[in-house]
Amino acid sequence: MDNVTEVREILGTPEYVAPEILNYEPISIATDMCLTPFPPPPPPPLRSIGVLTYVMLTGESPFLGDNKQETFLNISQINVDYSQDAFEGVSSLAIDFIKTLLLKNPR
């Protein structure tokens, strides 16, 4: 990827796809931080780590809906359940960590 060519692709596992991909926005390093250019930009939120942390601490997917369309809507609107039921026994520090990673526009 470079700063001249725009890349737009619809790909990814439904529960883990980035909102930028669902909105058919240009894909960048910030979309999921899979690549690091030189010189590196300021670090964007690492959304995939937030999703994985959520799953590890709750045993649930943060965006899973009743069907693929609902899942995609949850992702595009960053609808995440931070209720006490979902996070029973999880520290507020861990929840705050996830909240800082699950942001809509990491750019």
N, C-alpha and C. Protein backbone atom coordinates (compact mmCIF):
# COMPACT_ATOMS: atom_id res chain seq x y z
N MET A 1 0.84 -1.18 0.00
CA MET A 1 0.00 0.00 0.00
C MET A 1 0.88 1.24 0.00
N ASP A 2 0.41 2.24 -0.71
CA ASP A 2 1.11 3.51 -0.70
C ASP A 2 0.09 4.63 -0.54
N ASN A 3 0.56 5.84 -0.50
CA ASN A 3 -0.34 6.98 -0.29
C ASN A 3 -1.01 7.43 -1.58
N VAL A 4 -0.71 6.79 -2.71
CA VAL A 4 -1.25 7.21 -4.00
C VAL A 4 -2.42 6.34 -4.43
N THR A 5 -2.30 5.03 -4.27
CA THR A 5 -3.29 4.09 -4.74
C THR A 5 -4.31 3.79 -3.64
N GLU A 6 -5.61 3.94 -3.98
CA GLU A 6 -6.65 3.56 -3.04
C GLU A 6 -6.97 2.09 -3.22
N VAL A 7 -7.12 1.38 -2.12
CA VAL A 7 -7.48 -0.02 -2.15
C VAL A 7 -8.83 -0.16 -1.47
N ARG A 8 -9.78 -0.79 -2.17
CA ARG A 8 -11.11 -1.04 -1.61
C ARG A 8 -11.45 -2.49 -1.89
N GLU A 9 -11.75 -3.24 -0.86
CA GLU A 9 -12.08 -4.65 -1.01
C GLU A 9 -13.17 -5.01 0.00
N ILE A 10 -14.05 -5.91 -0.40
CA ILE A 10 -15.02 -6.48 0.53
C ILE A 10 -14.53 -7.89 0.84
N LEU A 11 -13.95 -8.07 2.01
CA LEU A 11 -13.44 -9.36 2.40
C LEU A 11 -13.34 -9.43 3.91
N GLY A 12 -13.30 -10.63 4.43
CA GLY A 12 -13.16 -10.81 5.86
C GLY A 12 -14.24 -11.71 6.42
N THR A 13 -13.98 -12.23 7.60
CA THR A 13 -14.95 -13.05 8.32
C THR A 13 -16.00 -12.10 8.92
N PRO A 14 -17.29 -12.37 8.70
CA PRO A 14 -18.33 -11.42 9.13
C PRO A 14 -18.17 -10.85 10.54
N GLU A 15 -17.87 -11.66 11.53
CA GLU A 15 -17.79 -11.15 12.90
C GLU A 15 -16.55 -10.30 13.15
N TYR A 16 -15.57 -10.35 12.26
CA TYR A 16 -14.30 -9.69 12.51
C TYR A 16 -13.93 -8.64 11.46
N VAL A 17 -14.79 -8.40 10.50
CA VAL A 17 -14.49 -7.44 9.45
C VAL A 17 -14.54 -6.01 10.00
N ALA A 18 -13.68 -5.14 9.49
CA ALA A 18 -13.62 -3.75 9.96
C ALA A 18 -14.76 -2.93 9.36
N PRO A 19 -15.27 -1.93 10.09
CA PRO A 19 -16.34 -1.07 9.57
C PRO A 19 -15.95 -0.40 8.26
N GLU A 20 -14.68 -0.05 8.10
CA GLU A 20 -14.23 0.60 6.87
C GLU A 20 -14.44 -0.30 5.66
N ILE A 21 -14.28 -1.59 5.85
CA ILE A 21 -14.49 -2.54 4.75
C ILE A 21 -15.97 -2.63 4.43
N LEU A 22 -16.82 -2.70 5.45
CA LEU A 22 -18.26 -2.76 5.21
C LEU A 22 -18.78 -1.51 4.50
N ASN A 23 -18.18 -0.36 4.79
CA ASN A 23 -18.59 0.90 4.17
C ASN A 23 -17.90 1.14 2.83
N TYR A 24 -17.11 0.17 2.38
CA TYR A 24 -16.36 0.23 1.13
C TYR A 24 -15.49 1.47 1.06
N GLU A 25 -14.88 1.79 2.18
CA GLU A 25 -13.94 2.91 2.26
C GLU A 25 -12.56 2.40 1.88
N PRO A 26 -11.66 3.29 1.51
CA PRO A 26 -10.30 2.84 1.21
C PRO A 26 -9.67 2.13 2.41
N ILE A 27 -8.98 1.05 2.13
CA ILE A 27 -8.30 0.30 3.17
C ILE A 27 -6.92 0.92 3.38
N SER A 28 -6.55 1.09 4.63
CA SER A 28 -5.25 1.67 4.94
C SER A 28 -4.59 0.84 6.04
N ILE A 29 -3.42 1.25 6.42
CA ILE A 29 -2.72 0.60 7.52
C ILE A 29 -3.57 0.66 8.78
N ALA A 30 -4.31 1.74 8.98
CA ALA A 30 -5.11 1.92 10.18
C ALA A 30 -6.33 1.00 10.23
N THR A 31 -6.73 0.44 9.09
CA THR A 31 -7.91 -0.41 9.06
C THR A 31 -7.79 -1.55 10.06
N ASP A 32 -6.64 -2.15 10.17
CA ASP A 32 -6.47 -3.20 11.15
C ASP A 32 -5.04 -3.36 11.63
N MET A 33 -4.18 -2.48 11.22
CA MET A 33 -2.77 -2.51 11.64
C MET A 33 -2.10 -3.85 11.33
N CYS A 34 -2.31 -4.36 10.13
CA CYS A 34 -1.65 -5.60 9.73
C CYS A 34 -0.25 -5.33 9.20
N LEU A 35 0.00 -4.14 8.69
CA LEU A 35 1.29 -3.77 8.11
C LEU A 35 1.80 -2.51 8.78
N THR A 36 3.10 -2.34 8.82
CA THR A 36 3.67 -1.13 9.39
C THR A 36 4.58 -0.48 8.36
N PRO A 37 4.21 0.71 7.84
CA PRO A 37 5.06 1.39 6.87
C PRO A 37 6.24 2.06 7.58
N PHE A 38 7.19 2.54 6.80
CA PHE A 38 8.28 3.30 7.37
C PHE A 38 8.27 4.68 6.75
N PRO A 39 8.30 5.76 7.46
CA PRO A 39 8.25 5.77 8.93
C PRO A 39 6.84 5.46 9.41
N PRO A 40 6.74 4.83 10.57
CA PRO A 40 5.40 4.45 11.05
C PRO A 40 4.57 5.67 11.42
N PRO A 41 3.25 5.61 11.15
CA PRO A 41 2.36 6.69 11.57
C PRO A 41 2.08 6.57 13.06
N PRO A 42 1.42 7.56 13.65
CA PRO A 42 1.02 7.40 15.05
C PRO A 42 0.16 6.15 15.16
N PRO A 43 0.32 5.37 16.22
CA PRO A 43 -0.39 4.10 16.29
C PRO A 43 -1.90 4.28 16.39
N PRO A 44 -2.67 3.70 15.46
CA PRO A 44 -4.12 3.75 15.57
C PRO A 44 -4.60 2.67 16.54
N PRO A 45 -5.86 2.73 16.92
CA PRO A 45 -6.38 1.67 17.78
C PRO A 45 -6.26 0.32 17.08
N LEU A 46 -5.97 -0.68 17.81
CA LEU A 46 -5.83 -2.02 17.27
C LEU A 46 -7.14 -2.77 17.47
N ARG A 47 -8.07 -2.54 16.55
CA ARG A 47 -9.43 -3.07 16.69
C ARG A 47 -9.44 -4.59 16.83
N SER A 48 -8.63 -5.29 16.05
CA SER A 48 -8.66 -6.75 16.11
C SER A 48 -8.25 -7.25 17.50
N ILE A 49 -7.32 -6.57 18.15
CA ILE A 49 -6.93 -6.97 19.50
C ILE A 49 -8.09 -6.72 20.47
N GLY A 50 -8.84 -5.64 20.25
CA GLY A 50 -10.02 -5.38 21.07
C GLY A 50 -11.06 -6.48 20.92
N VAL A 51 -11.29 -6.93 19.68
CA VAL A 51 -12.25 -8.00 19.43
C VAL A 51 -11.79 -9.29 20.11
N LEU A 52 -10.53 -9.63 19.94
CA LEU A 52 -10.01 -10.86 20.55
C LEU A 52 -10.03 -10.80 22.07
N THR A 53 -9.71 -9.64 22.64
CA THR A 53 -9.75 -9.48 24.09
C THR A 53 -11.17 -9.63 24.60
N TYR A 54 -12.13 -9.02 23.89
CA TYR A 54 -13.54 -9.15 24.26
C TYR A 54 -13.95 -10.63 24.29
N VAL A 55 -13.59 -11.36 23.23
CA VAL A 55 -13.94 -12.78 23.14
C VAL A 55 -13.29 -13.57 24.27
N MET A 56 -12.02 -13.30 24.55
CA MET A 56 -11.32 -14.05 25.61
C MET A 56 -11.91 -13.78 26.99
N LEU A 57 -12.35 -12.55 27.24
CA LEU A 57 -12.85 -12.21 28.58
C LEU A 57 -14.32 -12.54 28.79
N THR A 58 -15.10 -12.59 27.70
CA THR A 58 -16.54 -12.83 27.85
C THR A 58 -16.99 -14.16 27.28
N GLY A 59 -16.21 -14.73 26.37
CA GLY A 59 -16.64 -15.95 25.69
C GLY A 59 -17.66 -15.68 24.61
N GLU A 60 -17.87 -14.40 24.29
CA GLU A 60 -18.84 -13.99 23.27
C GLU A 60 -18.18 -13.10 22.24
N SER A 61 -18.78 -13.06 21.06
CA SER A 61 -18.30 -12.14 20.02
C SER A 61 -18.93 -10.77 20.26
N PRO A 62 -18.15 -9.69 20.19
CA PRO A 62 -18.71 -8.37 20.50
C PRO A 62 -19.74 -7.87 19.50
N PHE A 63 -19.73 -8.36 18.28
CA PHE A 63 -20.62 -7.82 17.25
C PHE A 63 -21.63 -8.83 16.72
N LEU A 64 -21.62 -10.05 17.20
CA LEU A 64 -22.47 -11.10 16.66
C LEU A 64 -23.95 -10.74 16.77
N GLY A 65 -24.63 -10.82 15.64
CA GLY A 65 -26.07 -10.60 15.60
C GLY A 65 -26.79 -11.91 15.32
N ASP A 66 -28.10 -11.83 15.14
CA ASP A 66 -28.89 -13.03 14.85
C ASP A 66 -28.67 -13.51 13.42
N ASN A 67 -28.18 -12.63 12.55
CA ASN A 67 -27.88 -13.00 11.17
C ASN A 67 -26.72 -12.13 10.68
N LYS A 68 -26.27 -12.38 9.46
CA LYS A 68 -25.11 -11.66 8.93
C LYS A 68 -25.39 -10.16 8.82
N GLN A 69 -26.60 -9.79 8.40
CA GLN A 69 -26.95 -8.37 8.26
C GLN A 69 -26.88 -7.65 9.61
N GLU A 70 -27.41 -8.27 10.65
CA GLU A 70 -27.38 -7.67 11.99
C GLU A 70 -25.94 -7.57 12.50
N THR A 71 -25.14 -8.58 12.23
CA THR A 71 -23.72 -8.55 12.61
C THR A 71 -23.03 -7.38 11.92
N PHE A 72 -23.25 -7.22 10.61
CA PHE A 72 -22.64 -6.12 9.87
C PHE A 72 -23.11 -4.77 10.40
N LEU A 73 -24.38 -4.65 10.76
CA LEU A 73 -24.90 -3.41 11.34
C LEU A 73 -24.21 -3.12 12.67
N ASN A 74 -24.07 -4.14 13.50
CA ASN A 74 -23.39 -3.96 14.79
C ASN A 74 -21.95 -3.49 14.59
N ILE A 75 -21.27 -4.05 13.59
CA ILE A 75 -19.90 -3.65 13.32
C ILE A 75 -19.85 -2.21 12.82
N SER A 76 -20.70 -1.88 11.85
CA SER A 76 -20.64 -0.54 11.25
C SER A 76 -21.03 0.54 12.25
N GLN A 77 -21.87 0.21 13.23
CA GLN A 77 -22.27 1.19 14.24
C GLN A 77 -21.51 1.02 15.55
N ILE A 78 -20.60 0.07 15.60
CA ILE A 78 -19.84 -0.28 16.81
C ILE A 78 -20.80 -0.48 17.99
N ASN A 79 -21.80 -1.31 17.77
CA ASN A 79 -22.74 -1.69 18.83
C ASN A 79 -22.12 -2.84 19.62
N VAL A 80 -21.65 -2.53 20.81
CA VAL A 80 -20.99 -3.52 21.66
C VAL A 80 -21.69 -3.55 23.01
N ASP A 81 -21.90 -4.77 23.51
CA ASP A 81 -22.54 -4.95 24.81
C ASP A 81 -21.49 -4.88 25.91
N TYR A 82 -21.53 -3.81 26.68
CA TYR A 82 -20.61 -3.66 27.82
C TYR A 82 -21.36 -3.85 29.14
N SER A 83 -22.44 -4.59 29.12
CA SER A 83 -23.26 -4.78 30.32
C SER A 83 -22.52 -5.61 31.37
N GLN A 84 -22.99 -5.49 32.60
CA GLN A 84 -22.40 -6.26 33.70
C GLN A 84 -22.58 -7.76 33.48
N ASP A 85 -23.68 -8.14 32.83
CA ASP A 85 -23.90 -9.56 32.56
C ASP A 85 -22.81 -10.12 31.64
N ALA A 86 -22.47 -9.37 30.60
CA ALA A 86 -21.44 -9.83 29.66
C ALA A 86 -20.06 -9.84 30.31
N PHE A 87 -19.83 -8.89 31.21
CA PHE A 87 -18.49 -8.74 31.80
C PHE A 87 -18.45 -9.09 33.29
N GLU A 88 -19.26 -10.04 33.69
CA GLU A 88 -19.28 -10.46 35.09
C GLU A 88 -17.88 -10.95 35.50
N GLY A 89 -17.35 -10.37 36.56
CA GLY A 89 -16.04 -10.76 37.07
C GLY A 89 -14.86 -10.16 36.32
N VAL A 90 -15.12 -9.26 35.36
CA VAL A 90 -14.05 -8.62 34.58
C VAL A 90 -13.82 -7.21 35.14
N SER A 91 -12.58 -6.83 35.30
CA SER A 91 -12.26 -5.53 35.89
C SER A 91 -12.65 -4.38 34.97
N SER A 92 -12.90 -3.23 35.57
CA SER A 92 -13.22 -2.03 34.78
C SER A 92 -12.02 -1.61 33.94
N LEU A 93 -10.82 -1.90 34.41
CA LEU A 93 -9.61 -1.60 33.64
C LEU A 93 -9.60 -2.39 32.33
N ALA A 94 -9.98 -3.66 32.39
CA ALA A 94 -10.02 -4.50 31.18
C ALA A 94 -11.11 -4.00 30.22
N ILE A 95 -12.25 -3.60 30.77
CA ILE A 95 -13.34 -3.08 29.93
C ILE A 95 -12.91 -1.78 29.27
N ASP A 96 -12.24 -0.90 30.01
CA ASP A 96 -11.74 0.36 29.43
C ASP A 96 -10.72 0.09 28.34
N PHE A 97 -9.88 -0.92 28.53
CA PHE A 97 -8.90 -1.31 27.52
C PHE A 97 -9.61 -1.68 26.21
N ILE A 98 -10.66 -2.49 26.30
CA ILE A 98 -11.41 -2.89 25.10
C ILE A 98 -12.07 -1.68 24.45
N LYS A 99 -12.65 -0.80 25.27
CA LYS A 99 -13.33 0.39 24.72
C LYS A 99 -12.36 1.29 23.95
N THR A 100 -11.11 1.35 24.37
CA THR A 100 -10.15 2.19 23.66
C THR A 100 -9.74 1.57 22.33
N LEU A 101 -9.94 0.27 22.17
CA LEU A 101 -9.56 -0.41 20.94
C LEU A 101 -10.71 -0.54 19.95
N LEU A 102 -11.93 -0.64 20.42
CA LEU A 102 -13.07 -0.83 19.54
C LEU A 102 -13.66 0.53 19.15
N LEU A 103 -12.96 1.23 18.30
CA LEU A 103 -13.38 2.55 17.81
C LEU A 103 -13.72 2.46 16.33
N LYS A 104 -14.63 3.30 15.88
CA LYS A 104 -15.08 3.25 14.49
C LYS A 104 -14.06 3.79 13.50
N ASN A 105 -13.48 4.93 13.78
CA ASN A 105 -12.56 5.56 12.83
C ASN A 105 -11.18 5.69 13.44
N PRO A 106 -10.33 4.66 13.29
CA PRO A 106 -9.02 4.71 13.91
C PRO A 106 -8.06 5.70 13.25
N ARG A 107 -8.39 6.23 12.08
CA ARG A 107 -7.51 7.16 11.40
C ARG A 107 -7.50 8.42 12.16
